[in-house]
Amino acid sequence: MGFDIAGDPCLPGIDLADMGRSNATPLLESRRLRDCGTIGDMAADSAWVVEQAKALGFDLCGVVRPEQFPELARFGEWLGRGYAGEMAYLEDLRRREPSRVMEDLRSVVVCALNYNTRHPYSTTAAAQCAGDDDEPRGWISRYAWGDDYHEVLWGKLNALVEAMKEEIAEPFAARAYADTGPVAERVLAKHAGLGWLGKNTLLLNETLGSWLFLGVIFTSLDLAASLGPAEVAPPDLCGNCRQCLDACPTGALVEPYVLDARRCISYLTIELRGGIPEEFREAMGWQVYGCDICQDVCPFNRSAPVKELKFFQPRICHCKQGEESALRARSGEKQIPRANNALGMTGRGAARSHARQGSAEGVNSGDEYLLTPKLAWLAGLSEEEFREVFRGSAVKRAKWAGLVRNACIALGNSGIREGAETFERIVSLLGWLVESENPTIVESARWALSRIKKAEVRN
């Protein structure tokens, strides 16, 4: 995620029972409640907050005093170049001036949560799926495989605020943001000592890499900064490496440390409404929600530690929705063969599908899996099915029409050929989508059909 993917800052509170404490070490024993104010107290409170955050399951935590950091001063120039695209919410002045976020702001607590899993990176998975011509698949960014990370972070951040209120007698105000408010989390994280900003614009930590969710707590408490007056933020270790710039399919990293979001696949598949510019469609490949490539190739992620948090494991959908129901709607129930999986596959294609999905515990024949999901299933989801499948998921940010649009583009890039077991059904599905009432879906499906037909002519 090379830029903020903001959610709704007014979402209801989260049940903390399962998110804040179940997978963390026991909460620290409370020290004697006391007023703070001296330098010693500020330092002690800051150290306690950091340790408490880690007890709640965060991997990193630091404290920073709100200042006009150099990165924030350059943000206006970035906006002036038009690099934010349609993300008008990034123009909020509070992103450049943290003191505007809340009155009497004195400290910001920055927390990081590792979301890396044991599953392969997108660059590896793409190679593994490349030979499967019968069953085109897509890629959902690994941060969106499981539960909505905003809610997971909120649960932990709110638990930390409650623990602070129990520990510190002094009344204070606190406001938690989980990638949801007018906050430049990565800049604050850098100056809280959590890492440096890499050439792909993401926060990098020498040990943990960049698979990190960031959340912050703005507070009126006087807390000692994690970096003392004579200390500086962690050094930039990117050196001469430019793997992220060279690997970006759309050239979104226009220079080191500068992202043109209008070219970024994450922006195109999530934030952009309407049609995707044709110049980027082929380069998108199989990406249907977000993009991990600039992180996949980063040397600091080669040995990044893995966590098995259940929140972030790929979701398994026990359903027979999507392409099958779409085709029945077009052709009539009797004309579409029922099957144990949404594509009605048999033989070799079904065997490969089940072998791949069967690597995940609990995945059965007919289930759908958000790790390399079937493109036809995604493209065929109705709006109601989309809401059901992606309830409590970050994927809902793209909206139903956006995800179907993305799946159409990926189908157009899939290289599926006549003779493949699913060819006729996919062509029929795209033909049905051409008749949609949504003009973006119509145009995207037509483009996909034209690509498939061109591929047939070439072959």
Protein backbone atom coordinates (compact mmCIF):
# COMPACT_ATOMS: atom_id res chain seq x y z
CA MET A 1 0.00 0.00 0.00
CA GLY A 2 1.88 3.00 -1.22
CA PHE A 3 -0.64 5.53 0.04
CA ASP A 4 -3.38 5.77 2.62
CA ILE A 5 -6.39 3.59 1.91
CA ALA A 6 -8.72 5.45 4.20
CA GLY A 7 -11.86 3.97 5.68
CA ASP A 8 -14.72 5.55 7.56
CA PRO A 9 -13.48 7.26 10.76
CA CYS A 10 -17.00 6.98 12.18
CA LEU A 11 -17.33 3.20 12.13
CA PRO A 12 -18.84 1.71 15.32
CA GLY A 13 -16.69 0.36 18.11
CA ILE A 14 -15.25 -3.14 17.84
CA ASP A 15 -15.65 -6.05 20.22
CA LEU A 16 -12.21 -6.32 21.75
CA ALA A 17 -12.61 -9.76 23.28
CA ASP A 18 -11.13 -11.61 20.31
CA MET A 19 -8.95 -8.91 18.79
CA GLY A 20 -7.07 -7.29 21.63
CA ARG A 21 -5.99 -10.00 23.98
CA SER A 22 -6.67 -13.57 22.92
CA ASN A 23 -3.43 -14.04 20.96
CA ALA A 24 -1.26 -11.69 23.00
CA THR A 25 0.86 -12.26 26.05
CA PRO A 26 -0.89 -11.47 29.36
CA LEU A 27 -1.34 -7.79 30.03
CA LEU A 28 1.36 -6.20 32.14
CA GLU A 29 0.70 -5.93 35.83
CA SER A 30 -0.52 -2.42 36.55
CA ARG A 31 1.85 -0.17 38.42
CA ARG A 32 0.55 2.12 41.15
CA LEU A 33 -1.79 4.73 39.72
CA ARG A 34 -0.08 8.09 39.92
CA ASP A 35 -0.05 11.53 38.42
CA CYS A 36 2.61 12.22 35.84
CA GLY A 37 4.38 15.41 34.92
CA THR A 38 8.06 15.09 35.71
CA ILE A 39 10.56 14.09 33.04
CA GLY A 40 11.07 10.82 34.86
CA ASP A 41 7.36 10.13 34.92
CA MET A 42 7.04 10.98 31.22
CA ALA A 43 9.78 8.53 30.34
CA ALA A 44 8.34 5.83 32.61
CA ASP A 45 4.86 6.26 31.15
CA SER A 46 6.23 6.15 27.61
CA ALA A 47 8.16 2.95 28.31
CA TRP A 48 5.07 1.39 29.92
CA VAL A 49 2.90 2.26 26.90
CA VAL A 50 5.42 0.65 24.53
CA GLU A 51 5.59 -2.54 26.58
CA GLN A 52 1.81 -2.63 26.95
CA ALA A 53 1.37 -2.31 23.18
CA LYS A 54 3.63 -5.31 22.67
CA ALA A 55 1.71 -7.25 25.32
CA LEU A 56 -1.41 -6.61 23.26
CA GLY A 57 0.19 -8.13 20.19
CA PHE A 58 1.80 -5.20 18.38
CA ASP A 59 5.26 -5.94 17.03
CA LEU A 60 6.61 -2.39 17.27
CA CYS A 61 5.63 0.71 19.20
CA GLY A 62 7.14 4.14 19.62
CA VAL A 63 6.20 7.61 20.77
CA VAL A 64 6.74 10.84 18.87
CA ARG A 65 5.99 14.48 19.63
CA PRO A 66 3.93 16.17 16.89
CA GLU A 67 6.18 18.41 14.81
CA GLN A 68 6.46 19.80 11.29
CA PHE A 69 8.57 16.98 9.92
CA PRO A 70 10.33 17.55 6.58
CA GLU A 71 8.28 14.84 4.84
CA LEU A 72 5.07 16.66 5.77
CA ALA A 73 6.38 19.91 4.33
CA ARG A 74 6.93 18.19 0.97
CA PHE A 75 3.45 16.70 0.85
CA GLY A 76 1.93 19.84 -0.68
CA GLU A 77 4.32 19.58 -3.63
CA TRP A 78 3.31 15.94 -4.14
CA LEU A 79 -0.35 16.95 -4.21
CA GLY A 80 0.44 19.82 -6.58
CA ARG A 81 1.82 17.37 -9.13
CA GLY A 82 -1.57 15.65 -9.21
CA TYR A 83 -0.12 12.41 -7.91
CA ALA A 84 -3.08 11.84 -5.56
CA GLY A 85 -5.45 11.25 -8.46
CA GLU A 86 -9.08 11.25 -7.31
CA MET A 87 -8.19 10.87 -3.62
CA ALA A 88 -9.37 14.33 -2.60
CA TYR A 89 -9.37 13.32 1.07
CA LEU A 90 -5.57 13.48 1.03
CA GLU A 91 -5.79 17.26 0.69
CA ASP A 92 -6.96 17.60 4.30
CA LEU A 93 -4.53 20.02 5.96
CA ARG A 94 -4.44 17.91 9.10
CA ARG A 95 -2.25 15.41 7.26
CA ARG A 96 0.46 18.07 7.05
CA GLU A 97 -0.13 19.59 10.47
CA PRO A 98 -0.69 16.93 13.14
CA SER A 99 -1.54 19.58 15.73
CA ARG A 100 -4.80 20.20 13.85
CA VAL A 101 -6.02 16.64 14.41
CA MET A 102 -7.07 17.24 18.01
CA GLU A 103 -6.88 20.01 20.58
CA ASP A 104 -4.15 19.93 23.19
CA LEU A 105 -2.18 17.29 21.30
CA ARG A 106 1.12 16.52 23.00
CA SER A 107 2.11 12.99 21.97
CA VAL A 108 1.46 10.37 19.32
CA VAL A 109 1.78 6.65 20.04
CA VAL A 110 2.59 4.72 16.85
CA CYS A 111 2.03 0.95 16.69
CA ALA A 112 2.94 -1.57 13.99
CA LEU A 113 1.48 -5.03 13.45
CA ASN A 114 3.16 -7.64 11.24
CA TYR A 115 0.66 -9.23 8.83
CA ASN A 116 3.02 -11.45 6.85
CA THR A 117 1.93 -15.08 6.49
CA ARG A 118 3.56 -18.30 5.29
CA HIS A 119 1.81 -18.10 1.90
CA PRO A 120 3.85 -17.29 -1.21
CA TYR A 121 4.41 -13.78 -2.50
CA SER A 122 2.47 -12.69 -5.57
CA THR A 123 5.54 -12.93 -7.81
CA THR A 124 6.03 -16.57 -6.82
CA ALA A 125 2.33 -17.42 -6.97
CA ALA A 126 2.03 -15.93 -10.46
CA ALA A 127 4.70 -18.31 -11.72
CA GLN A 128 2.99 -21.27 -10.03
CA CYS A 129 -0.35 -20.44 -11.69
CA ALA A 130 1.10 -19.56 -15.08
CA GLY A 131 0.73 -23.06 -16.52
CA ASP A 132 -2.88 -23.50 -15.47
CA ASP A 133 -4.61 -22.38 -18.66
CA ASP A 134 -7.94 -24.00 -17.76
CA GLU A 135 -8.61 -21.94 -14.65
CA PRO A 136 -7.67 -18.24 -14.74
CA ARG A 137 -6.96 -16.85 -11.30
CA GLY A 138 -6.41 -13.45 -9.76
CA TRP A 139 -4.41 -11.90 -6.96
CA ILE A 140 -5.80 -10.09 -3.93
CA SER A 141 -3.20 -8.17 -1.96
CA ARG A 142 -2.15 -10.21 1.07
CA TYR A 143 -3.29 -7.56 3.55
CA ALA A 144 -6.89 -8.09 2.40
CA TRP A 145 -7.08 -11.90 2.55
CA GLY A 146 -8.65 -12.09 5.97
CA ASP A 147 -10.51 -9.78 8.34
CA ASP A 148 -10.62 -6.04 7.77
CA TYR A 149 -7.33 -4.78 9.17
CA HIS A 150 -8.92 -1.49 10.21
CA GLU A 151 -11.10 -3.33 12.71
CA VAL A 152 -8.30 -5.57 13.95
CA LEU A 153 -6.08 -2.54 14.56
CA TRP A 154 -8.91 -0.61 16.19
CA GLY A 155 -9.50 -3.43 18.61
CA LYS A 156 -5.89 -3.42 19.72
CA LEU A 157 -5.55 0.38 19.77
CA ASN A 158 -8.73 0.81 21.80
CA ALA A 159 -7.54 -1.88 24.22
CA LEU A 160 -4.29 0.06 24.62
CA VAL A 161 -6.17 3.30 25.33
CA GLU A 162 -8.26 1.54 27.99
CA ALA A 163 -5.13 0.11 29.59
CA MET A 164 -3.58 3.60 29.63
CA LYS A 165 -6.66 5.00 31.37
CA GLU A 166 -6.43 2.30 34.01
CA GLU A 167 -2.72 2.90 34.53
CA ILE A 168 -2.39 6.68 34.48
CA ALA A 169 -4.44 8.72 36.94
CA GLU A 170 -4.07 12.01 35.10
CA PRO A 171 -7.15 12.75 32.91
CA PHE A 172 -6.26 12.83 29.25
CA ALA A 173 -7.84 12.77 25.82
CA ALA A 174 -6.99 10.10 23.26
CA ARG A 175 -8.05 9.38 19.70
CA ALA A 176 -7.12 6.21 17.82
CA TYR A 177 -6.74 5.97 14.05
CA ALA A 178 -6.31 2.72 12.14
CA ASP A 179 -5.45 3.99 8.65
CA THR A 180 -8.75 5.84 8.80
CA GLY A 181 -8.08 9.49 9.57
CA PRO A 182 -6.19 12.53 8.33
CA VAL A 183 -2.89 11.15 9.54
CA ALA A 184 0.49 10.51 7.88
CA GLU A 185 1.16 7.30 9.82
CA ARG A 186 4.38 6.36 8.02
CA VAL A 187 6.02 9.72 8.69
CA LEU A 188 5.09 9.54 12.36
CA ALA A 189 6.32 5.93 12.49
CA LYS A 190 9.68 6.93 11.06
CA HIS A 191 10.20 9.66 13.64
CA ALA A 192 9.01 7.37 16.42
CA GLY A 193 11.99 5.15 15.56
CA LEU A 194 10.09 2.27 13.92
CA GLY A 195 11.97 2.32 10.62
CA TRP A 196 12.74 4.37 7.52
CA LEU A 197 10.71 5.31 4.46
CA GLY A 198 11.86 3.15 1.57
CA LYS A 199 12.09 3.92 -2.11
CA ASN A 200 8.69 2.28 -2.53
CA THR A 201 7.39 4.97 -0.07
CA LEU A 202 6.51 2.36 2.58
CA LEU A 203 7.86 2.06 6.11
CA LEU A 204 10.72 -0.44 6.24
CA ASN A 205 12.07 -2.06 9.35
CA GLU A 206 15.42 -3.82 9.15
CA THR A 207 14.11 -6.90 10.97
CA LEU A 208 10.42 -7.02 10.04
CA GLY A 209 10.52 -5.67 6.50
CA SER A 210 7.47 -3.77 5.26
CA TRP A 211 4.52 -6.12 5.89
CA LEU A 212 3.26 -3.80 8.61
CA PHE A 213 -0.09 -2.29 9.49
CA LEU A 214 0.26 1.07 11.23
CA GLY A 215 -2.07 2.55 13.80
CA VAL A 216 -1.73 5.67 15.94
CA ILE A 217 -3.11 7.13 19.14
CA PHE A 218 -3.18 10.91 19.39
CA THR A 219 -3.23 12.00 23.02
CA SER A 220 -2.98 15.02 25.29
CA LEU A 221 -0.68 13.03 27.58
CA ASP A 222 2.88 14.27 27.94
CA LEU A 223 4.91 11.23 26.96
CA ALA A 224 8.64 11.14 26.35
CA ALA A 225 9.56 10.64 22.70
CA SER A 226 11.18 7.31 21.88
CA LEU A 227 14.01 9.16 20.16
CA GLY A 228 15.83 11.58 22.41
CA PRO A 229 16.90 15.09 21.36
CA ALA A 230 20.31 13.84 20.22
CA GLU A 231 18.92 10.77 18.40
CA VAL A 232 17.82 10.52 14.79
CA ALA A 233 15.39 8.24 12.99
CA PRO A 234 16.73 4.86 11.77
CA PRO A 235 19.02 5.27 8.76
CA ASP A 236 17.84 4.65 5.22
CA LEU A 237 19.26 1.25 4.25
CA CYS A 238 17.91 1.13 0.69
CA GLY A 239 21.31 2.18 -0.64
CA ASN A 240 21.68 1.74 -4.41
CA CYS A 241 18.91 -0.85 -4.62
CA ARG A 242 16.08 -0.03 -7.04
CA GLN A 243 14.33 -3.38 -7.29
CA CYS A 244 10.96 -1.92 -6.34
CA LEU A 245 11.19 0.77 -9.02
CA ASP A 246 12.25 -1.68 -11.71
CA ALA A 247 9.59 -4.27 -10.81
CA CYS A 248 6.57 -1.94 -10.79
CA PRO A 249 4.53 -2.98 -13.87
CA THR A 250 2.98 0.44 -14.41
CA GLY A 251 5.95 2.65 -13.53
CA ALA A 252 4.13 4.15 -10.56
CA LEU A 253 7.37 4.81 -8.69
CA VAL A 254 8.37 7.71 -10.89
CA GLU A 255 11.57 8.26 -8.93
CA PRO A 256 12.98 6.89 -5.68
CA TYR A 257 10.66 7.74 -2.77
CA VAL A 258 8.00 9.25 -5.07
CA LEU A 259 4.78 7.47 -6.03
CA ASP A 260 2.39 8.64 -8.71
CA ALA A 261 -0.75 7.02 -7.31
CA ARG A 262 -2.57 7.47 -10.62
CA ARG A 263 -0.32 4.75 -12.07
CA CYS A 264 -0.33 2.48 -9.01
CA ILE A 265 -2.25 -0.79 -9.33
CA SER A 266 -3.48 -0.44 -5.74
CA TYR A 267 -5.05 2.89 -6.63
CA LEU A 268 -6.41 1.65 -9.95
CA THR A 269 -8.07 -1.43 -8.46
CA ILE A 270 -9.32 0.10 -5.19
CA GLU A 271 -9.65 3.87 -5.20
CA LEU A 272 -10.43 4.66 -8.83
CA ARG A 273 -14.08 4.76 -9.78
CA GLY A 274 -15.05 4.28 -13.41
CA GLY A 275 -12.97 2.64 -16.09
CA ILE A 276 -9.29 1.82 -15.75
CA PRO A 277 -7.18 3.71 -18.32
CA GLU A 278 -6.29 1.37 -21.18
CA GLU A 279 -2.58 2.17 -20.95
CA PHE A 280 -2.44 0.31 -17.61
CA ARG A 281 -4.75 -2.64 -18.25
CA GLU A 282 -2.31 -5.11 -19.72
CA ALA A 283 0.31 -4.21 -17.12
CA MET A 284 -2.17 -5.00 -14.34
CA GLY A 285 -1.91 -8.67 -15.19
CA TRP A 286 -3.89 -10.78 -12.72
CA GLN A 287 -4.22 -8.17 -9.98
CA VAL A 288 -7.83 -7.73 -8.87
CA TYR A 289 -7.39 -5.93 -5.54
CA GLY A 290 -4.25 -4.06 -4.64
CA CYS A 291 -0.69 -5.01 -5.53
CA ASP A 292 2.23 -6.41 -3.53
CA ILE A 293 4.97 -6.42 -6.14
CA CYS A 294 7.09 -3.55 -4.78
CA GLN A 295 7.10 -5.35 -1.43
CA ASP A 296 7.56 -8.84 -2.84
CA VAL A 297 10.87 -7.90 -4.47
CA CYS A 298 12.26 -5.90 -1.54
CA PRO A 299 15.38 -7.58 -0.11
CA PHE A 300 14.24 -6.76 3.42
CA ASN A 301 11.16 -8.91 2.89
CA ARG A 302 13.08 -12.01 1.75
CA SER A 303 13.45 -13.21 5.32
CA ALA A 304 10.66 -11.20 6.94
CA PRO A 305 9.22 -13.06 9.93
CA VAL A 306 5.87 -14.81 9.55
CA LYS A 307 2.96 -14.60 11.96
CA GLU A 308 0.04 -17.00 11.98
CA LEU A 309 -2.60 -14.57 13.20
CA LYS A 310 -5.97 -15.99 12.25
CA PHE A 311 -7.24 -12.51 11.32
CA PHE A 312 -4.98 -12.31 8.27
CA GLN A 313 -5.19 -15.85 6.88
CA PRO A 314 -6.90 -16.17 3.47
CA ARG A 315 -10.66 -16.32 3.85
CA ILE A 316 -12.47 -19.49 2.80
CA CYS A 317 -15.91 -18.95 1.29
CA HIS A 318 -18.21 -21.94 1.69
CA CYS A 319 -20.52 -21.00 -1.16
CA LYS A 320 -21.63 -21.77 -4.71
CA GLN A 321 -21.95 -18.18 -5.77
CA GLY A 322 -20.51 -16.13 -8.56
CA GLU A 323 -20.03 -17.39 -12.08
CA GLU A 324 -22.43 -20.33 -11.77
CA SER A 325 -25.36 -18.17 -10.63
CA ALA A 326 -24.52 -15.54 -13.26
CA LEU A 327 -24.60 -18.10 -16.05
CA ARG A 328 -27.84 -19.62 -14.77
CA ALA A 329 -29.39 -16.15 -14.79
CA ARG A 330 -28.42 -15.76 -18.43
CA SER A 331 -29.02 -19.20 -19.85
CA GLY A 332 -31.55 -20.83 -17.56
CA GLU A 333 -30.98 -23.45 -14.87
CA LYS A 334 -31.54 -26.45 -17.14
CA GLN A 335 -28.92 -25.35 -19.67
CA ILE A 336 -26.11 -24.94 -17.18
CA PRO A 337 -24.70 -28.18 -15.75
CA ARG A 338 -24.58 -28.21 -11.96
CA ALA A 339 -21.26 -29.15 -10.44
CA ASN A 340 -19.38 -29.41 -7.20
CA ASN A 341 -17.48 -26.22 -7.97
CA ALA A 342 -18.47 -22.89 -9.43
CA LEU A 343 -16.81 -23.49 -12.79
CA GLY A 344 -18.33 -26.90 -13.33
CA MET A 345 -14.88 -28.36 -14.00
CA THR A 346 -14.11 -32.03 -14.24
CA GLY A 347 -11.00 -34.10 -14.66
CA ARG A 348 -7.59 -32.45 -14.85
CA GLY A 349 -8.73 -28.87 -14.23
CA ALA A 350 -10.75 -29.78 -11.15
CA ALA A 351 -7.91 -31.90 -9.80
CA ARG A 352 -5.44 -29.02 -10.09
CA SER A 353 -7.90 -26.62 -8.47
CA HIS A 354 -8.57 -28.89 -5.53
CA ALA A 355 -4.88 -29.69 -5.10
CA ARG A 356 -4.02 -26.00 -4.86
CA GLN A 357 -6.89 -25.06 -2.58
CA GLY A 358 -6.48 -28.19 -0.52
CA SER A 359 -3.23 -26.80 0.87
CA ALA A 360 -5.37 -24.66 3.15
CA GLU A 361 -6.96 -26.32 6.13
CA GLY A 362 -10.73 -26.38 5.86
CA VAL A 363 -10.94 -25.85 2.09
CA ASN A 364 -13.31 -28.36 0.50
CA SER A 365 -14.42 -29.08 -3.03
CA GLY A 366 -16.67 -26.21 -4.12
CA ASP A 367 -15.22 -23.69 -1.66
CA GLU A 368 -13.68 -20.46 -2.83
CA TYR A 369 -10.38 -19.24 -1.40
CA LEU A 370 -9.11 -15.66 -1.43
CA LEU A 371 -5.55 -16.83 -2.10
CA THR A 372 -5.43 -16.83 -5.93
CA PRO A 373 -9.24 -16.80 -6.32
CA LYS A 374 -10.95 -17.89 -9.54
CA LEU A 375 -11.51 -14.88 -11.75
CA ALA A 376 -14.79 -16.17 -13.14
CA TRP A 377 -16.14 -16.55 -9.61
CA LEU A 378 -15.26 -12.95 -8.77
CA ALA A 379 -16.59 -11.59 -12.06
CA GLY A 380 -19.87 -13.44 -11.62
CA LEU A 381 -20.68 -12.30 -8.08
CA SER A 382 -23.92 -10.37 -7.78
CA GLU A 383 -23.96 -7.23 -5.70
CA GLU A 384 -25.73 -9.09 -2.90
CA GLU A 385 -23.22 -11.95 -3.05
CA PHE A 386 -20.35 -9.46 -2.98
CA ARG A 387 -21.68 -7.93 0.23
CA GLU A 388 -22.06 -11.36 1.81
CA VAL A 389 -18.66 -12.73 0.76
CA PHE A 390 -16.70 -9.61 1.72
CA ARG A 391 -18.53 -8.61 4.87
CA GLY A 392 -15.87 -7.62 7.40
CA SER A 393 -13.20 -7.53 4.69
CA ALA A 394 -11.05 -4.70 3.37
CA VAL A 395 -12.01 -5.79 -0.17
CA LYS A 396 -15.37 -4.06 0.19
CA ARG A 397 -13.47 -0.79 -0.27
CA ALA A 398 -13.31 -1.48 -4.02
CA LYS A 399 -17.12 -1.77 -4.24
CA TRP A 400 -18.91 -4.48 -6.18
CA ALA A 401 -18.63 -2.79 -9.58
CA GLY A 402 -14.93 -2.12 -9.00
CA LEU A 403 -14.11 -5.74 -8.19
CA VAL A 404 -16.11 -7.08 -11.17
CA ARG A 405 -14.36 -4.51 -13.39
CA ASN A 406 -10.98 -5.67 -12.10
CA ALA A 407 -11.84 -9.34 -12.62
CA CYS A 408 -12.85 -8.59 -16.22
CA ILE A 409 -9.53 -6.89 -16.89
CA ALA A 410 -7.66 -9.84 -15.38
CA LEU A 411 -9.68 -12.27 -17.50
CA GLY A 412 -8.68 -10.26 -20.55
CA ASN A 413 -5.05 -10.68 -19.48
CA SER A 414 -5.40 -14.38 -18.61
CA GLY A 415 -4.45 -15.74 -22.04
CA ILE A 416 -7.20 -18.35 -21.86
CA ARG A 417 -7.56 -20.19 -25.17
CA GLU A 418 -10.30 -22.01 -26.97
CA GLY A 419 -10.14 -25.64 -25.99
CA ALA A 420 -9.59 -24.91 -22.32
CA GLU A 421 -12.24 -26.54 -20.12
CA THR A 422 -13.61 -23.19 -18.94
CA PHE A 423 -13.22 -21.21 -22.18
CA GLU A 424 -16.83 -21.30 -23.35
CA ARG A 425 -18.19 -20.62 -19.90
CA ILE A 426 -15.89 -17.62 -19.39
CA VAL A 427 -16.75 -16.18 -22.79
CA SER A 428 -20.43 -16.69 -21.98
CA LEU A 429 -19.96 -14.99 -18.59
CA LEU A 430 -18.27 -11.98 -20.18
CA GLY A 431 -21.04 -11.83 -22.76
CA TRP A 432 -23.55 -11.70 -19.93
CA LEU A 433 -21.61 -8.90 -18.21
CA VAL A 434 -21.66 -6.88 -21.45
CA GLU A 435 -25.41 -6.65 -20.88
CA SER A 436 -24.96 -5.19 -17.38
CA GLU A 437 -26.62 -1.92 -16.41
CA ASN A 438 -23.29 -0.67 -15.09
CA PRO A 439 -21.36 1.08 -17.90
CA THR A 440 -17.96 0.46 -16.32
CA ILE A 441 -18.61 -3.29 -16.14
CA VAL A 442 -19.93 -3.29 -19.71
CA GLU A 443 -16.84 -1.56 -21.09
CA SER A 444 -14.44 -3.74 -19.08
CA ALA A 445 -16.17 -6.97 -20.19
CA ARG A 446 -16.05 -5.86 -23.82
CA TRP A 447 -12.35 -5.15 -23.50
CA ALA A 448 -11.76 -8.59 -22.00
CA LEU A 449 -13.68 -10.29 -24.81
CA SER A 450 -11.74 -8.35 -27.43
CA ARG A 451 -8.44 -9.42 -25.83
CA ILE A 452 -9.49 -13.07 -25.79
CA LYS A 453 -10.56 -12.90 -29.43
CA LYS A 454 -7.30 -11.22 -30.45
CA ALA A 455 -5.37 -13.93 -28.66
CA GLU A 456 -7.30 -16.55 -30.62
CA VAL A 457 -6.48 -14.84 -33.92
CA ARG A 458 -2.77 -14.73 -33.05
CA ASN A 459 -2.81 -18.41 -32.18
